Amino acid sequence: MLSAVAREDEDEGPRPENSATIAIYSVKGGVGKTTFAANLAWCSAQDGHSTLLWDLDAAGGSGFLYGLEPKGSGLAEDVFSRDRSPTRLIQRTAWDGIDVLPADESIRALDAQLVRIGKRRRLAKLTEELAGNYARIVLDCPPVMNELSAQVVRAADLVIVPLPPSPLSARAFDLVVREIAGNTRRHPPILPVLSMLDLRRALHKQARDANPNWPTVPYASAVEQCAVHRQPVGAHAPQSPAAQQFARLWNAIEAKLAERRA
C-alpha cells in the first residue's frame, strides 16, 4: 500500500493556468531531439513566452547549442534531491526570454536516483515549481525507457516525437505510444513530426504522403549549422525554410495546447 506521502506525490499539483511543459522524446537516438528542443525553445521565446530549456540528456547538447556549459560537474543530478533548487543551476542565454538548465554527466545516474527516491512525480513537481517563472518549459529527453522517461511522461503537457522517415522510426513511435500509455493516468497529447525530411528520396516522400497532417522539418544545411554557430536556426538563418518550418511546428504545438485547455 502506498504511504500518504507517496500518494500525495502522485496527485496532480497546481500549475499556473497558461504554462505548459513540452517534452521532446523518442526511444530512438539520432532523430534530432536536441535540435528540436533548442529550436522550439527559440520559437517559444519569439512567441513571447518566458522559456526554460531543460536538458535531461547527459550529452548536454541543448546547452552547447546555446553556447553554454554546466556550472559544475555532478550538479545536474542534484536538482532532483530535495535540498537543491533547480533555479541555482539555470543559466541565461544571449537571447531574451530563453534560459537553459544544462545537463552534465551526473545525469547518467539519474534513473537510479529516481528509483531510490521513490517519488513517481518528482520531475512533475519540479516543473510545477518552475512554471511560476516560465510560461513554457521544453524538456530535451534522452532516448531511454526507464524511470526517467516515465517521469517525463507524467510531467509533460505535450510530447513531441521527431521521426526521420524509416521503418525503424515507425517502430520507435509505437514504443513511445506504449511508454506514454503505460506511465500516466492522463494521457498527454502526442505530436509526431517527420524530421530530416528529404523529398528527393522516395521513402521520405512516401512517409509524408502517408501522414499528410504531420508537421515536417526538412533535412537542411541550416539545421546542421546550428552546432557550428551554437545558435538556433532562427538566429543564424531566420529566412531559411527550416526556420519557417520550426515556426509552423511551434504554431501546431500551441494549437495542441489550446485544445487541451479547452
Protein backbone atom coordinates (compact mmCIF):
# COMPACT_ATOMS: atom_id res chain seq x y z
CA MET A 1 0.00 0.00 0.00
CA LEU A 2 1.26 3.46 -0.84
CA SER A 3 2.01 5.75 2.07
CA ALA A 4 0.21 9.07 2.41
CA VAL A 5 3.40 10.84 1.27
CA ALA A 6 3.68 8.65 -1.82
CA ARG A 7 0.01 9.20 -2.69
CA GLU A 8 0.43 12.94 -2.30
CA ASP A 9 3.44 12.84 -4.64
CA GLU A 10 1.28 11.25 -7.35
CA ASP A 11 -1.50 13.83 -7.13
CA GLU A 12 -1.75 16.50 -9.77
CA GLY A 13 -0.07 19.61 -8.40
CA PRO A 14 -1.08 23.24 -9.01
CA ARG A 15 0.27 24.84 -12.15
CA PRO A 16 -0.19 28.38 -13.47
CA GLU A 17 -3.11 28.37 -15.87
CA ASN A 18 -1.27 29.24 -19.08
CA SER A 19 2.02 27.42 -18.50
CA ALA A 20 2.99 24.18 -20.26
CA THR A 21 5.75 21.58 -20.25
CA ILE A 22 6.68 20.21 -23.68
CA ALA A 23 8.81 17.07 -23.90
CA ILE A 24 10.89 16.26 -26.97
CA TYR A 25 11.15 12.49 -26.69
CA SER A 26 11.90 9.35 -28.65
CA VAL A 27 13.19 5.94 -27.67
CA LYS A 28 15.47 6.09 -30.73
CA GLY A 29 18.69 8.12 -30.77
CA GLY A 30 19.87 10.29 -33.64
CA VAL A 31 16.42 11.58 -34.60
CA GLY A 32 17.08 15.27 -33.88
CA LYS A 33 15.63 15.64 -30.37
CA THR A 34 18.21 18.17 -29.19
CA THR A 35 17.94 20.21 -32.39
CA PHE A 36 14.16 20.24 -32.00
CA ALA A 37 14.34 21.21 -28.32
CA ALA A 38 16.78 24.08 -28.90
CA ASN A 39 14.88 25.47 -31.87
CA LEU A 40 11.44 25.11 -30.31
CA ALA A 41 12.65 26.95 -27.22
CA TRP A 42 13.72 29.76 -29.57
CA CYS A 43 10.29 29.76 -31.25
CA SER A 44 8.59 29.83 -27.85
CA ALA A 45 10.57 32.91 -26.80
CA GLN A 46 9.91 34.59 -30.14
CA ASP A 47 6.21 33.95 -29.49
CA GLY A 48 6.53 35.99 -26.31
CA HIS A 49 6.77 33.20 -23.74
CA SER A 50 9.35 33.15 -20.96
CA THR A 51 11.01 29.82 -21.75
CA LEU A 52 13.22 27.32 -19.95
CA LEU A 53 15.10 24.71 -21.96
CA TRP A 54 15.86 21.84 -19.56
CA ASP A 55 18.48 19.38 -20.78
CA LEU A 56 17.91 15.89 -19.38
CA ASP A 57 20.39 14.18 -21.71
CA ALA A 58 23.89 13.52 -20.36
CA ALA A 59 25.36 14.56 -23.72
CA GLY A 60 24.48 18.16 -22.84
CA GLY A 61 23.63 19.14 -26.40
CA SER A 62 20.99 21.76 -25.67
CA GLY A 63 23.29 23.88 -23.54
CA PHE A 64 26.04 23.51 -26.14
CA LEU A 65 23.75 24.78 -28.91
CA TYR A 66 23.20 27.93 -26.87
CA GLY A 67 26.89 28.43 -26.16
CA LEU A 68 26.62 27.30 -22.52
CA GLU A 69 28.38 24.76 -20.35
CA PRO A 70 27.35 23.31 -16.97
CA LYS A 71 28.39 25.36 -13.94
CA GLY A 72 29.99 22.34 -12.32
CA SER A 73 30.31 18.57 -12.52
CA GLY A 74 27.75 16.42 -10.76
CA LEU A 75 25.23 19.21 -10.10
CA ALA A 76 22.51 18.37 -12.62
CA GLU A 77 21.52 15.19 -10.79
CA ASP A 78 21.34 17.09 -7.50
CA VAL A 79 18.39 19.06 -8.87
CA PHE A 80 16.26 16.03 -8.05
CA SER A 81 17.27 15.94 -4.41
CA ARG A 82 15.07 17.93 -2.07
CA ASP A 83 17.86 20.16 -0.78
CA ARG A 84 18.84 21.87 -4.03
CA SER A 85 16.63 24.20 -6.05
CA PRO A 86 16.84 23.88 -9.84
CA THR A 87 16.91 27.66 -10.13
CA ARG A 88 20.50 27.70 -8.84
CA LEU A 89 21.74 25.96 -11.98
CA ILE A 90 19.71 27.87 -14.56
CA GLN A 91 21.75 30.00 -16.96
CA ARG A 92 20.67 32.90 -19.13
CA THR A 93 21.32 32.73 -22.86
CA ALA A 94 22.30 35.55 -25.20
CA TRP A 95 18.63 35.94 -26.18
CA ASP A 96 15.85 37.48 -24.14
CA GLY A 97 13.25 35.04 -22.88
CA ILE A 98 15.35 31.85 -23.09
CA ASP A 99 17.10 30.28 -20.13
CA VAL A 100 18.79 26.88 -20.02
CA LEU A 101 19.17 24.30 -17.27
CA PRO A 102 22.19 22.42 -18.66
CA ALA A 103 22.98 18.74 -18.21
CA ASP A 104 26.24 17.17 -17.10
CA GLU A 105 27.48 13.59 -16.86
CA SER A 106 25.79 13.06 -13.48
CA ILE A 107 22.53 12.74 -15.40
CA ARG A 108 23.68 9.24 -16.37
CA ALA A 109 22.87 8.12 -12.82
CA LEU A 110 19.53 9.92 -12.69
CA ASP A 111 17.38 6.85 -13.33
CA ALA A 112 18.87 5.05 -10.32
CA GLN A 113 18.41 8.15 -8.16
CA LEU A 114 14.75 8.49 -9.14
CA VAL A 115 14.15 4.85 -8.27
CA ARG A 116 15.91 5.35 -4.94
CA ILE A 117 13.89 8.49 -4.13
CA GLY A 118 10.66 6.64 -4.87
CA LYS A 119 8.71 9.74 -5.88
CA ARG A 120 6.92 8.99 -9.14
CA ARG A 121 6.15 12.64 -9.93
CA ARG A 122 9.40 14.26 -8.83
CA LEU A 123 10.06 15.81 -12.26
CA ALA A 124 6.44 16.94 -12.49
CA LYS A 125 6.74 18.66 -9.09
CA LEU A 126 9.89 20.45 -10.22
CA THR A 127 8.29 21.67 -13.45
CA GLU A 128 5.27 22.89 -11.46
CA GLU A 129 7.66 24.88 -9.26
CA LEU A 130 9.50 26.33 -12.26
CA ALA A 131 6.25 27.19 -14.04
CA GLY A 132 5.93 30.13 -11.69
CA ASN A 133 8.77 31.76 -13.64
CA TYR A 134 8.41 30.19 -17.08
CA ALA A 135 5.36 30.01 -19.31
CA ARG A 136 6.94 27.23 -21.40
CA ILE A 137 9.35 24.52 -20.25
CA VAL A 138 10.94 22.46 -23.03
CA LEU A 139 12.47 19.12 -21.98
CA ASP A 140 15.29 17.69 -24.10
CA CYS A 141 14.94 14.00 -23.21
CA PRO A 142 17.37 11.08 -23.64
CA PRO A 143 16.40 8.05 -25.75
CA VAL A 144 15.57 5.76 -22.81
CA MET A 145 12.71 3.67 -21.48
CA ASN A 146 13.14 3.72 -17.70
CA GLU A 147 12.03 5.68 -14.63
CA LEU A 148 13.30 8.95 -16.14
CA SER A 149 11.16 8.55 -19.27
CA ALA A 150 8.19 7.63 -17.07
CA GLN A 151 8.72 10.82 -15.07
CA VAL A 152 8.94 12.84 -18.29
CA VAL A 153 5.58 11.47 -19.42
CA ARG A 154 3.97 12.38 -16.09
CA ALA A 155 5.36 15.92 -16.25
CA ALA A 156 4.54 16.70 -19.88
CA ASP A 157 1.51 18.54 -21.19
CA LEU A 158 2.53 17.57 -24.73
CA VAL A 159 5.04 15.09 -26.15
CA ILE A 160 6.77 15.87 -29.46
CA VAL A 161 8.20 12.80 -31.23
CA PRO A 162 10.71 13.50 -34.04
CA LEU A 163 10.57 10.75 -36.65
CA PRO A 164 13.04 10.54 -39.54
CA PRO A 165 11.21 8.63 -42.28
CA SER A 166 12.22 4.98 -41.83
CA PRO A 167 10.67 1.69 -40.69
CA LEU A 168 12.77 1.83 -37.51
CA SER A 169 11.36 5.25 -36.67
CA ALA A 170 7.82 3.97 -37.12
CA ARG A 171 8.61 1.18 -34.67
CA ALA A 172 10.11 3.70 -32.25
CA PHE A 173 6.90 5.74 -32.41
CA ASP A 174 4.86 2.69 -31.44
CA LEU A 175 7.16 2.20 -28.44
CA VAL A 176 6.71 5.84 -27.41
CA VAL A 177 2.93 5.48 -27.54
CA ARG A 178 3.08 2.39 -25.33
CA GLU A 179 5.51 4.07 -22.93
CA ILE A 180 3.21 7.05 -22.52
CA ALA A 181 0.08 4.95 -22.12
CA GLY A 182 1.75 2.76 -19.51
CA ASN A 183 3.06 5.53 -17.27
CA THR A 184 0.33 8.08 -16.81
CA ARG A 185 -3.33 8.12 -15.90
CA ARG A 186 -3.93 11.19 -18.04
CA HIS A 187 -2.54 10.63 -21.48
CA PRO A 188 -0.70 13.78 -22.68
CA PRO A 189 -1.23 14.53 -26.38
CA ILE A 190 1.43 13.21 -28.75
CA LEU A 191 2.53 15.17 -31.81
CA PRO A 192 4.65 13.13 -34.25
CA VAL A 193 6.88 15.20 -36.55
CA LEU A 194 8.68 14.00 -39.68
CA SER A 195 12.25 15.20 -39.20
CA MET A 196 15.23 15.35 -41.56
CA LEU A 197 12.74 15.12 -44.42
CA ASP A 198 14.28 14.97 -47.89
CA LEU A 199 11.58 14.78 -50.56
CA ARG A 200 14.16 13.76 -53.17
CA ARG A 201 14.08 10.34 -51.52
CA ALA A 202 11.22 8.03 -52.39
CA LEU A 203 10.90 6.62 -48.85
CA HIS A 204 10.67 10.12 -47.40
CA LYS A 205 8.04 11.17 -49.93
CA GLN A 206 6.01 8.04 -49.16
CA ALA A 207 6.18 8.81 -45.43
CA ARG A 208 5.00 12.38 -46.00
CA ASP A 209 2.17 11.22 -48.28
CA ALA A 210 1.11 8.59 -45.74
CA ASN A 211 0.95 11.19 -42.95
CA PRO A 212 -0.07 14.45 -44.64
CA ASN A 213 -1.25 16.06 -41.38
CA TRP A 214 2.03 15.58 -39.51
CA PRO A 215 4.28 18.64 -39.24
CA THR A 216 7.63 18.32 -41.01
CA VAL A 217 11.15 19.68 -40.59
CA PRO A 218 13.41 19.37 -43.64
CA TYR A 219 16.88 17.95 -43.89
CA ALA A 220 18.82 21.18 -44.32
CA SER A 221 22.28 22.63 -44.02
CA ALA A 222 20.88 25.49 -41.91
CA VAL A 223 19.82 22.97 -39.26
CA GLU A 224 23.23 21.26 -39.26
CA GLN A 225 24.88 24.69 -38.89
CA CYS A 226 23.20 25.19 -35.51
CA ALA A 227 26.02 23.19 -33.90
CA VAL A 228 28.65 25.22 -35.79
CA HIS A 229 27.24 28.63 -34.87
CA ARG A 230 25.95 27.42 -31.48
CA GLN A 231 22.72 29.23 -32.23
CA PRO A 232 19.18 28.16 -33.13
CA VAL A 233 18.39 28.27 -36.81
CA GLY A 234 16.05 31.22 -36.27
CA ALA A 235 19.04 33.26 -35.07
CA HIS A 236 21.63 32.44 -37.74
CA ALA A 237 19.32 31.71 -40.72
CA PRO A 238 15.96 33.35 -39.96
CA GLN A 239 14.75 33.33 -43.57
CA SER A 240 15.60 29.68 -44.24
CA PRO A 241 12.89 27.07 -44.97
CA ALA A 242 13.99 25.21 -41.83
CA ALA A 243 13.39 28.26 -39.62
CA GLN A 244 9.97 28.70 -41.20
CA GLN A 245 9.10 25.05 -40.60
CA PHE A 246 10.10 25.23 -36.96
CA ALA A 247 7.87 28.30 -36.62
CA ARG A 248 4.98 26.37 -38.19
CA LEU A 249 5.67 23.47 -35.85
CA TRP A 250 5.51 25.83 -32.89
CA ASN A 251 2.13 27.08 -34.10
CA ALA A 252 0.94 23.45 -34.22
CA ILE A 253 2.22 22.95 -30.66
CA GLU A 254 0.33 25.99 -29.41
CA ALA A 255 -2.81 24.74 -31.16
CA LYS A 256 -2.46 21.36 -29.40
CA LEU A 257 -2.00 23.06 -26.04
CA ALA A 258 -5.08 25.22 -26.66
CA GLU A 259 -7.11 22.10 -27.46
CA ARG A 260 -6.06 20.52 -24.19
CA ARG A 261 -7.01 23.59 -22.16
CA ALA A 262 -10.42 23.87 -23.88
